[in-house]
Amino acid sequence: MNAIHPMQTGSSFKPNKKTGKKKINPMKDSKTVDYLDPKFLTRFTNDQGKILPRRITGLTAYQQRQIATAVKYARHLALVPFVAQDLA
């Protein structure tokens, strides 16, 4: 008997592993991130002004750290808002 678990029978075992589609890197092979370009940096923040995680943006770890630093610099220079504006 080749059951993996006592309650399972035979070869019907299939793990619930989701295979996601690989995201296209929005920065391509660019090595530099310009903190003075707020339009580019807003692509990596959500509507509340939070920095989006790597799994959503599709960046490499090195590029994600550069983006996070650039967004923080731009916030201090008031190029990018810290929080979103209320529409009410």
PDB file of N, CA and C in Angstrom:
ATOM      1  N   MET A   1       0.844  -1.191   0.000  1.00  0.00           N
ATOM      2  CA  MET A   1       0.000   0.000   0.000  1.00  0.00           C
ATOM      3  C   MET A   1       0.883   1.246   0.000  1.00  0.00           C
ATOM      4  N   ASN A   2       0.653   2.154  -0.938  1.00  0.00           N
ATOM      5  CA  ASN A   2       1.482   3.344  -1.103  1.00  0.00           C
ATOM      6  C   ASN A   2       0.794   4.602  -0.597  1.00  0.00           C
ATOM      7  N   ALA A   3      -0.081   4.458   0.362  1.00  0.00           N
ATOM      8  CA  ALA A   3      -0.804   5.616   0.877  1.00  0.00           C
ATOM      9  C   ALA A   3       0.143   6.504   1.674  1.00  0.00           C
ATOM     10  N   ILE A   4       0.052   7.791   1.447  1.00  0.00           N
ATOM     11  CA  ILE A   4       0.883   8.760   2.150  1.00  0.00           C
ATOM     12  C   ILE A   4       0.310   9.036   3.531  1.00  0.00           C
ATOM     13  N   HIS A   5      -0.983   9.052   3.631  1.00  0.00           N
ATOM     14  CA  HIS A   5      -1.675   9.303   4.887  1.00  0.00           C
ATOM     15  C   HIS A   5      -2.631   8.135   5.115  1.00  0.00           C
ATOM     16  N   PRO A   6      -2.837   7.719   6.353  1.00  0.00           N
ATOM     17  CA  PRO A   6      -3.692   6.556   6.588  1.00  0.00           C
ATOM     18  C   PRO A   6      -5.112   6.702   6.052  1.00  0.00           C
ATOM     19  N   MET A   7      -5.616   7.937   5.958  1.00  0.00           N
ATOM     20  CA  MET A   7      -6.985   8.142   5.498  1.00  0.00           C
ATOM     21  C   MET A   7      -7.086   8.272   3.980  1.00  0.00           C
ATOM     22  N   GLN A   8      -5.946   8.275   3.282  1.00  0.00           N
ATOM     23  CA  GLN A   8      -5.953   8.414   1.836  1.00  0.00           C
ATOM     24  C   GLN A   8      -5.761   7.057   1.187  1.00  0.00           C
ATOM     25  N   THR A   9      -6.272   6.941   0.003  1.00  0.00           N
ATOM     26  CA  THR A   9      -6.148   5.682  -0.713  1.00  0.00           C
ATOM     27  C   THR A   9      -5.346   5.888  -1.983  1.00  0.00           C
ATOM     28  N   GLY A  10      -4.416   5.020  -2.224  1.00  0.00           N
ATOM     29  CA  GLY A  10      -3.691   4.959  -3.487  1.00  0.00           C
ATOM     30  C   GLY A  10      -2.986   6.229  -3.907  1.00  0.00           C
ATOM     31  N   SER A  11      -3.105   6.548  -5.195  1.00  0.00           N
ATOM     32  CA  SER A  11      -2.334   7.642  -5.793  1.00  0.00           C
ATOM     33  C   SER A  11      -3.170   8.897  -6.025  1.00  0.00           C
ATOM     34  N   SER A  12      -4.250   9.056  -5.287  1.00  0.00           N
ATOM     35  CA  SER A  12      -5.095  10.229  -5.500  1.00  0.00           C
ATOM     36  C   SER A  12      -4.608  11.447  -4.718  1.00  0.00           C
ATOM     37  N   PHE A  13      -3.452  11.368  -4.083  1.00  0.00           N
ATOM     38  CA  PHE A  13      -2.929  12.477  -3.286  1.00  0.00           C
ATOM     39  C   PHE A  13      -2.409  13.578  -4.189  1.00  0.00           C
ATOM     40  N   LYS A  14      -2.948  14.785  -4.014  1.00  0.00           N
ATOM     41  CA  LYS A  14      -2.477  15.958  -4.753  1.00  0.00           C
ATOM     42  C   LYS A  14      -2.352  17.100  -3.759  1.00  0.00           C
ATOM     43  N   PRO A  15      -1.154  17.622  -3.577  1.00  0.00           N
ATOM     44  CA  PRO A  15      -0.991  18.712  -2.615  1.00  0.00           C
ATOM     45  C   PRO A  15      -1.680  19.984  -3.092  1.00  0.00           C
ATOM     46  N   ASN A  16      -2.084  20.807  -2.156  1.00  0.00           N
ATOM     47  CA  ASN A  16      -2.772  22.065  -2.473  1.00  0.00           C
ATOM     48  C   ASN A  16      -1.764  23.185  -2.686  1.00  0.00           C
ATOM     49  N   LYS A  17      -0.831  22.971  -3.559  1.00  0.00           N
ATOM     50  CA  LYS A  17       0.188  23.967  -3.839  1.00  0.00           C
ATOM     51  C   LYS A  17      -0.234  24.774  -5.062  1.00  0.00           C
ATOM     52  N   LYS A  18      -0.339  26.065  -4.880  1.00  0.00           N
ATOM     53  CA  LYS A  18      -0.714  26.929  -5.990  1.00  0.00           C
ATOM     54  C   LYS A  18       0.551  27.400  -6.695  1.00  0.00           C
ATOM     55  N   THR A  19       0.572  27.274  -7.983  1.00  0.00           N
ATOM     56  CA  THR A  19       1.694  27.774  -8.752  1.00  0.00           C
ATOM     57  C   THR A  19       1.278  29.101  -9.363  1.00  0.00           C
ATOM     58  N   GLY A  20       1.968  30.154  -8.960  1.00  0.00           N
ATOM     59  CA  GLY A  20       1.619  31.484  -9.435  1.00  0.00           C
ATOM     60  C   GLY A  20       2.360  31.841 -10.699  1.00  0.00           C
ATOM     61  N   LYS A  21       1.814  32.785 -11.405  1.00  0.00           N
ATOM     62  CA  LYS A  21       2.449  33.272 -12.617  1.00  0.00           C
ATOM     63  C   LYS A  21       3.563  34.236 -12.231  1.00  0.00           C
ATOM     64  N   LYS A  22       4.730  34.081 -12.846  1.00  0.00           N
ATOM     65  CA  LYS A  22       5.859  34.938 -12.533  1.00  0.00           C
ATOM     66  C   LYS A  22       5.586  36.349 -13.021  1.00  0.00           C
ATOM     67  N   LYS A  23       5.799  37.310 -12.140  1.00  0.00           N
ATOM     68  CA  LYS A  23       5.538  38.704 -12.484  1.00  0.00           C
ATOM     69  C   LYS A  23       6.689  39.262 -13.327  1.00  0.00           C
ATOM     70  N   ILE A  24       6.355  40.135 -14.232  1.00  0.00           N
ATOM     71  CA  ILE A  24       7.358  40.789 -15.058  1.00  0.00           C
ATOM     72  C   ILE A  24       7.960  41.937 -14.247  1.00  0.00           C
ATOM     73  N   ASN A  25       9.272  42.002 -14.247  1.00  0.00           N
ATOM     74  CA  ASN A  25       9.972  43.032 -13.481  1.00  0.00           C
ATOM     75  C   ASN A  25       9.716  44.398 -14.127  1.00  0.00           C
ATOM     76  N   PRO A  26       9.078  45.340 -13.413  1.00  0.00           N
ATOM     77  CA  PRO A  26       8.757  46.639 -14.009  1.00  0.00           C
ATOM     78  C   PRO A  26       9.977  47.533 -14.243  1.00  0.00           C
ATOM     79  N   MET A  27      11.089  47.219 -13.580  1.00  0.00           N
ATOM     80  CA  MET A  27      12.290  48.041 -13.746  1.00  0.00           C
ATOM     81  C   MET A  27      13.226  47.491 -14.812  1.00  0.00           C
ATOM     82  N   LYS A  28      12.900  46.322 -15.367  1.00  0.00           N
ATOM     83  CA  LYS A  28      13.741  45.641 -16.365  1.00  0.00           C
ATOM     84  C   LYS A  28      15.138  45.422 -15.778  1.00  0.00           C
ATOM     85  N   ASP A  29      16.183  45.896 -16.436  1.00  0.00           N
ATOM     86  CA  ASP A  29      17.544  45.710 -15.937  1.00  0.00           C
ATOM     87  C   ASP A  29      18.136  46.996 -15.385  1.00  0.00           C
ATOM     88  N   SER A  30      17.299  47.981 -15.116  1.00  0.00           N
ATOM     89  CA  SER A  30      17.773  49.259 -14.603  1.00  0.00           C
ATOM     90  C   SER A  30      18.375  49.087 -13.219  1.00  0.00           C
ATOM     91  N   LYS A  31      19.543  49.656 -13.002  1.00  0.00           N
ATOM     92  CA  LYS A  31      20.230  49.528 -11.721  1.00  0.00           C
ATOM     93  C   LYS A  31      19.930  50.683 -10.776  1.00  0.00           C
ATOM     94  N   THR A  32      19.493  51.811 -11.309  1.00  0.00           N
ATOM     95  CA  THR A  32      19.316  52.984 -10.467  1.00  0.00           C
ATOM     96  C   THR A  32      17.841  53.325 -10.294  1.00  0.00           C
ATOM     97  N   VAL A  33      17.541  53.862  -9.125  1.00  0.00           N
ATOM     98  CA  VAL A  33      16.195  54.339  -8.821  1.00  0.00           C
ATOM     99  C   VAL A  33      16.328  55.815  -8.468  1.00  0.00           C
ATOM    100  N   ASP A  34      15.572  56.656  -9.152  1.00  0.00           N
ATOM    101  CA  ASP A  34      15.648  58.098  -8.910  1.00  0.00           C
ATOM    102  C   ASP A  34      14.539  58.498  -7.943  1.00  0.00           C
ATOM    103  N   TYR A  35      14.925  59.008  -6.784  1.00  0.00           N
ATOM    104  CA  TYR A  35      13.926  59.407  -5.789  1.00  0.00           C
ATOM    105  C   TYR A  35      13.253  60.723  -6.147  1.00  0.00           C
ATOM    106  N   LEU A  36      13.729  61.403  -7.181  1.00  0.00           N
ATOM    107  CA  LEU A  36      13.131  62.673  -7.600  1.00  0.00           C
ATOM    108  C   LEU A  36      12.029  62.474  -8.650  1.00  0.00           C
ATOM    109  N   ASP A  37      11.684  61.220  -8.946  1.00  0.00           N
ATOM    110  CA  ASP A  37      10.653  60.910  -9.943  1.00  0.00           C
ATOM    111  C   ASP A  37       9.418  60.354  -9.229  1.00  0.00           C
ATOM    112  N   PRO A  38       8.517  61.225  -8.758  1.00  0.00           N
ATOM    113  CA  PRO A  38       7.378  60.740  -7.975  1.00  0.00           C
ATOM    114  C   PRO A  38       6.390  59.896  -8.782  1.00  0.00           C
ATOM    115  N   LYS A  39       6.268  60.143 -10.079  1.00  0.00           N
ATOM    116  CA  LYS A  39       5.338  59.365 -10.892  1.00  0.00           C
ATOM    117  C   LYS A  39       5.767  57.896 -10.946  1.00  0.00           C
ATOM    118  N   PHE A  40       7.062  57.668 -11.073  1.00  0.00           N
ATOM    119  CA  PHE A  40       7.594  56.302 -11.086  1.00  0.00           C
ATOM    120  C   PHE A  40       7.430  55.644  -9.719  1.00  0.00           C
ATOM    121  N   LEU A  41       7.670  56.392  -8.649  1.00  0.00           N
ATOM    122  CA  LEU A  41       7.603  55.819  -7.304  1.00  0.00           C
ATOM    123  C   LEU A  41       6.172  55.498  -6.874  1.00  0.00           C
ATOM    124  N   THR A  42       5.193  56.220  -7.403  1.00  0.00           N
ATOM    125  CA  THR A  42       3.807  55.943  -7.022  1.00  0.00           C
ATOM    126  C   THR A  42       3.314  54.615  -7.586  1.00  0.00           C
ATOM    127  N   ARG A  43       4.021  54.043  -8.557  1.00  0.00           N
ATOM    128  CA  ARG A  43       3.675  52.715  -9.068  1.00  0.00           C
ATOM    129  C   ARG A  43       3.914  51.648  -8.000  1.00  0.00           C
ATOM    130  N   PHE A  44       4.768  51.939  -7.033  1.00  0.00           N
ATOM    131  CA  PHE A  44       5.142  50.964  -6.017  1.00  0.00           C
ATOM    132  C   PHE A  44       4.503  51.251  -4.668  1.00  0.00           C
ATOM    133  N   THR A  45       3.493  52.138  -4.661  1.00  0.00           N
ATOM    134  CA  THR A  45       2.742  52.403  -3.433  1.00  0.00           C
ATOM    135  C   THR A  45       1.263  52.179  -3.716  1.00  0.00           C
ATOM    136  N   ASN A  46       0.518  51.802  -2.682  1.00  0.00           N
ATOM    137  CA  ASN A  46      -0.918  51.600  -2.873  1.00  0.00           C
ATOM    138  C   ASN A  46      -1.661  52.916  -2.670  1.00  0.00           C
ATOM    139  N   ASP A  47      -2.974  52.867  -2.695  1.00  0.00           N
ATOM    140  CA  ASP A  47      -3.765  54.090  -2.596  1.00  0.00           C
ATOM    141  C   ASP A  47      -3.689  54.725  -1.212  1.00  0.00           C
ATOM    142  N   GLN A  48      -3.253  53.968  -0.204  1.00  0.00           N
ATOM    143  CA  GLN A  48      -3.080  54.533   1.133  1.00  0.00           C
ATOM    144  C   GLN A  48      -1.689  55.132   1.333  1.00  0.00           C
ATOM    145  N   GLY A  49      -0.797  54.939   0.364  1.00  0.00           N
ATOM    146  CA  GLY A  49       0.550  55.469   0.460  1.00  0.00           C
ATOM    147  C   GLY A  49       1.558  54.472   0.994  1.00  0.00           C
ATOM    148  N   LYS A  50       1.145  53.227   1.222  1.00  0.00           N
ATOM    149  CA  LYS A  50       2.060  52.205   1.732  1.00  0.00           C
ATOM    150  C   LYS A  50       2.878  51.618   0.584  1.00  0.00           C
ATOM    151  N   ILE A  51       4.106  51.218   0.889  1.00  0.00           N
ATOM    152  CA  ILE A  51       4.970  50.599  -0.112  1.00  0.00           C
ATOM    153  C   ILE A  51       4.507  49.162  -0.323  1.00  0.00           C
ATOM    154  N   LEU A  52       4.318  48.786  -1.589  1.00  0.00           N
ATOM    155  CA  LEU A  52       3.845  47.449  -1.917  1.00  0.00           C
ATOM    156  C   LEU A  52       4.955  46.418  -1.735  1.00  0.00           C
ATOM    157  N   PRO A  53       4.614  45.188  -1.349  1.00  0.00           N
ATOM    158  CA  PRO A  53       5.634  44.153  -1.158  1.00  0.00           C
ATOM    159  C   PRO A  53       6.156  43.596  -2.480  1.00  0.00           C
ATOM    160  N   ARG A  54       7.257  42.873  -2.386  1.00  0.00           N
ATOM    161  CA  ARG A  54       7.907  42.294  -3.549  1.00  0.00           C
ATOM    162  C   ARG A  54       7.018  41.345  -4.325  1.00  0.00           C
ATOM    163  N   ARG A  55       6.225  40.560  -3.617  1.00  0.00           N
ATOM    164  CA  ARG A  55       5.402  39.555  -4.291  1.00  0.00           C
ATOM    165  C   ARG A  55       4.348  40.190  -5.181  1.00  0.00           C
ATOM    166  N   ILE A  56       4.016  41.458  -4.927  1.00  0.00           N
ATOM    167  CA  ILE A  56       3.042  42.168  -5.765  1.00  0.00           C
ATOM    168  C   ILE A  56       3.747  42.962  -6.867  1.00  0.00           C
ATOM    169  N   THR A  57       4.869  43.613  -6.539  1.00  0.00           N
ATOM    170  CA  THR A  57       5.545  44.450  -7.523  1.00  0.00           C
ATOM    171  C   THR A  57       6.361  43.649  -8.525  1.00  0.00           C
ATOM    172  N   GLY A  58       6.878  42.488  -8.118  1.00  0.00           N
ATOM    173  CA  GLY A  58       7.685  41.676  -9.023  1.00  0.00           C
ATOM    174  C   GLY A  58       9.132  42.113  -9.104  1.00  0.00           C
ATOM    175  N   LEU A  59       9.589  42.904  -8.151  1.00  0.00           N
ATOM    176  CA  LEU A  59      10.971  43.364  -8.132  1.00  0.00           C
ATOM    177  C   LEU A  59      11.886  42.326  -7.496  1.00  0.00           C
ATOM    178  N   THR A  60      13.181  42.486  -7.718  1.00  0.00           N
ATOM    179  CA  THR A  60      14.152  41.665  -6.999  1.00  0.00           C
ATOM    180  C   THR A  60      14.316  42.258  -5.602  1.00  0.00           C
ATOM    181  N   ALA A  61      14.957  41.504  -4.715  1.00  0.00           N
ATOM    182  CA  ALA A  61      15.141  41.977  -3.344  1.00  0.00           C
ATOM    183  C   ALA A  61      15.984  43.256  -3.315  1.00  0.00           C
ATOM    184  N   TYR A  62      17.025  43.297  -4.138  1.00  0.00           N
ATOM    185  CA  TYR A  62      17.889  44.479  -4.200  1.00  0.00           C
ATOM    186  C   TYR A  62      17.107  45.698  -4.689  1.00  0.00           C
ATOM    187  N   GLN A  63      16.304  45.514  -5.737  1.00  0.00           N
ATOM    188  CA  GLN A  63      15.516  46.622  -6.274  1.00  0.00           C
ATOM    189  C   GLN A  63      14.442  47.063  -5.294  1.00  0.00           C
ATOM    190  N   GLN A  64      13.853  46.113  -4.548  1.00  0.00           N
ATOM    191  CA  GLN A  64      12.827  46.466  -3.564  1.00  0.00           C
ATOM    192  C   GLN A  64      13.416  47.340  -2.466  1.00  0.00           C
ATOM    193  N   ARG A  65      14.622  47.035  -2.027  1.00  0.00           N
ATOM    194  CA  ARG A  65      15.282  47.872  -1.005  1.00  0.00           C
ATOM    195  C   ARG A  65      15.567  49.265  -1.552  1.00  0.00           C
ATOM    196  N   GLN A  66      15.990  49.350  -2.820  1.00  0.00           N
ATOM    197  CA  GLN A  66      16.227  50.659  -3.438  1.00  0.00           C
ATOM    198  C   GLN A  66      14.937  51.463  -3.531  1.00  0.00           C
ATOM    199  N   ILE A  67      13.849  50.814  -3.923  1.00  0.00           N
ATOM    200  CA  ILE A  67      12.552  51.494  -4.039  1.00  0.00           C
ATOM    201  C   ILE A  67      12.099  51.986  -2.673  1.00  0.00           C
ATOM    202  N   ALA A  68      12.241  51.155  -1.646  1.00  0.00           N
ATOM    203  CA  ALA A  68      11.812  51.549  -0.304  1.00  0.00           C
ATOM    204  C   ALA A  68      12.587  52.767   0.174  1.00  0.00           C
ATOM    205  N   THR A  69      13.891  52.780  -0.056  1.00  0.00           N
ATOM    206  CA  THR A  69      14.717  53.916   0.344  1.00  0.00           C
ATOM    207  C   THR A  69      14.338  55.167  -0.451  1.00  0.00           C
ATOM    208  N   ALA A  70      14.109  55.003  -1.757  1.00  0.00           N
ATOM    209  CA  ALA A  70      13.762  56.146  -2.608  1.00  0.00           C
ATOM    210  C   ALA A  70      12.407  56.732  -2.214  1.00  0.00           C
ATOM    211  N   VAL A  71      11.442  55.883  -1.893  1.00  0.00           N
ATOM    212  CA  VAL A  71      10.123  56.372  -1.479  1.00  0.00           C
ATOM    213  C   VAL A  71      10.252  57.150  -0.172  1.00  0.00           C
ATOM    214  N   LYS A  72      11.055  56.651   0.740  1.00  0.00           N
ATOM    215  CA  LYS A  72      11.239  57.336   2.026  1.00  0.00           C
ATOM    216  C   LYS A  72      11.927  58.689   1.841  1.00  0.00           C
ATOM    217  N   TYR A  73      12.929  58.758   0.950  1.00  0.00           N
ATOM    218  CA  TYR A  73      13.566  60.046   0.656  1.00  0.00           C
ATOM    219  C   TYR A  73      12.555  61.006   0.044  1.00  0.00           C
ATOM    220  N   ALA A  74      11.751  60.508  -0.912  1.00  0.00           N
ATOM    221  CA  ALA A  74      10.777  61.357  -1.594  1.00  0.00           C
ATOM    222  C   ALA A  74       9.696  61.842  -0.632  1.00  0.00           C
ATOM    223  N   ARG A  75       9.350  61.031   0.350  1.00  0.00           N
ATOM    224  CA  ARG A  75       8.371  61.465   1.352  1.00  0.00           C
ATOM    225  C   ARG A  75       8.925  62.622   2.175  1.00  0.00           C
ATOM    226  N   HIS A  76      10.192  62.525   2.558  1.00  0.00           N
ATOM    227  CA  HIS A  76      10.794  63.603   3.353  1.00  0.00           C
ATOM    228  C   HIS A  76      10.939  64.887   2.558  1.00  0.00           C
ATOM    229  N   LEU A  77      11.085  64.772   1.257  1.00  0.00           N
ATOM    230  CA  LEU A  77      11.174  65.962   0.409  1.00  0.00           C
ATOM    231  C   LEU A  77       9.794  66.446  -0.040  1.00  0.00           C
ATOM    232  N   ALA A  78       8.737  65.785   0.434  1.00  0.00           N
ATOM    233  CA  ALA A  78       7.342  66.128   0.121  1.00  0.00           C
ATOM    234  C   ALA A  78       7.026  65.958  -1.360  1.00  0.00           C
ATOM    235  N   LEU A  79       7.710  65.040  -2.037  1.00  0.00           N
ATOM    236  CA  LEU A  79       7.380  64.727  -3.426  1.00  0.00           C
ATOM    237  C   LEU A  79       6.300  63.655  -3.498  1.00  0.00           C
ATOM    238  N   VAL A  80       6.287  62.779  -2.501  1.00  0.00           N
ATOM    239  CA  VAL A  80       5.304  61.709  -2.388  1.00  0.00           C
ATOM    240  C   VAL A  80       4.651  61.852  -1.018  1.00  0.00           C
ATOM    241  N   PRO A  81       3.333  61.762  -0.923  1.00  0.00           N
ATOM    242  CA  PRO A  81       2.680  61.934   0.371  1.00  0.00           C
ATOM    243  C   PRO A  81       2.939  60.753   1.304  1.00  0.00           C
ATOM    244  N   PHE A  82       2.955  61.020   2.608  1.00  0.00           N
ATOM    245  CA  PHE A  82       3.093  59.952   3.598  1.00  0.00           C
ATOM    246  C   PHE A  82       1.828  59.109   3.633  1.00  0.00           C
ATOM    247  N   VAL A  83       0.674  59.765   3.586  1.00  0.00           N
ATOM    248  CA  VAL A  83      -0.617  59.059   3.577  1.00  0.00           C
ATOM    249  C   VAL A  83      -1.472  59.649   2.458  1.00  0.00           C
ATOM    250  N   ALA A  84      -2.498  58.912   2.062  1.00  0.00           N
ATOM    251  CA  ALA A  84      -3.381  59.373   0.988  1.00  0.00           C
ATOM    252  C   ALA A  84      -4.279  60.504   1.496  1.00  0.00           C
ATOM    253  N   GLN A  85      -4.752  61.314   0.582  1.00  0.00           N
ATOM    254  CA  GLN A  85      -5.664  62.399   0.937  1.00  0.00           C
ATOM    255  C   GLN A  85      -7.072  61.843   1.059  1.00  0.00           C
ATOM    256  N   ASP A  86      -7.821  62.367   1.996  1.00  0.00           N
ATOM    257  CA  ASP A  86      -9.213  61.970   2.153  1.00  0.00           C
ATOM    258  C   ASP A  86     -10.050  62.645   1.070  1.00  0.00           C
ATOM    259  N   LEU A  87     -10.919  61.848   0.456  1.00  0.00           N
ATOM    260  CA  LEU A  87     -11.782  62.398  -0.590  1.00  0.00           C
ATOM    261  C   LEU A  87     -13.091  62.922  -0.033  1.00  0.00           C
ATOM    262  N   ALA A  88     -13.364  62.689   1.227  1.00  0.00           N
ATOM    263  CA  ALA A  88     -14.634  63.126   1.827  1.00  0.00           C
ATOM    264  C   ALA A  88     -14.623  64.589   2.175  1.00  0.00           C
TER     265      ALA A  88
END
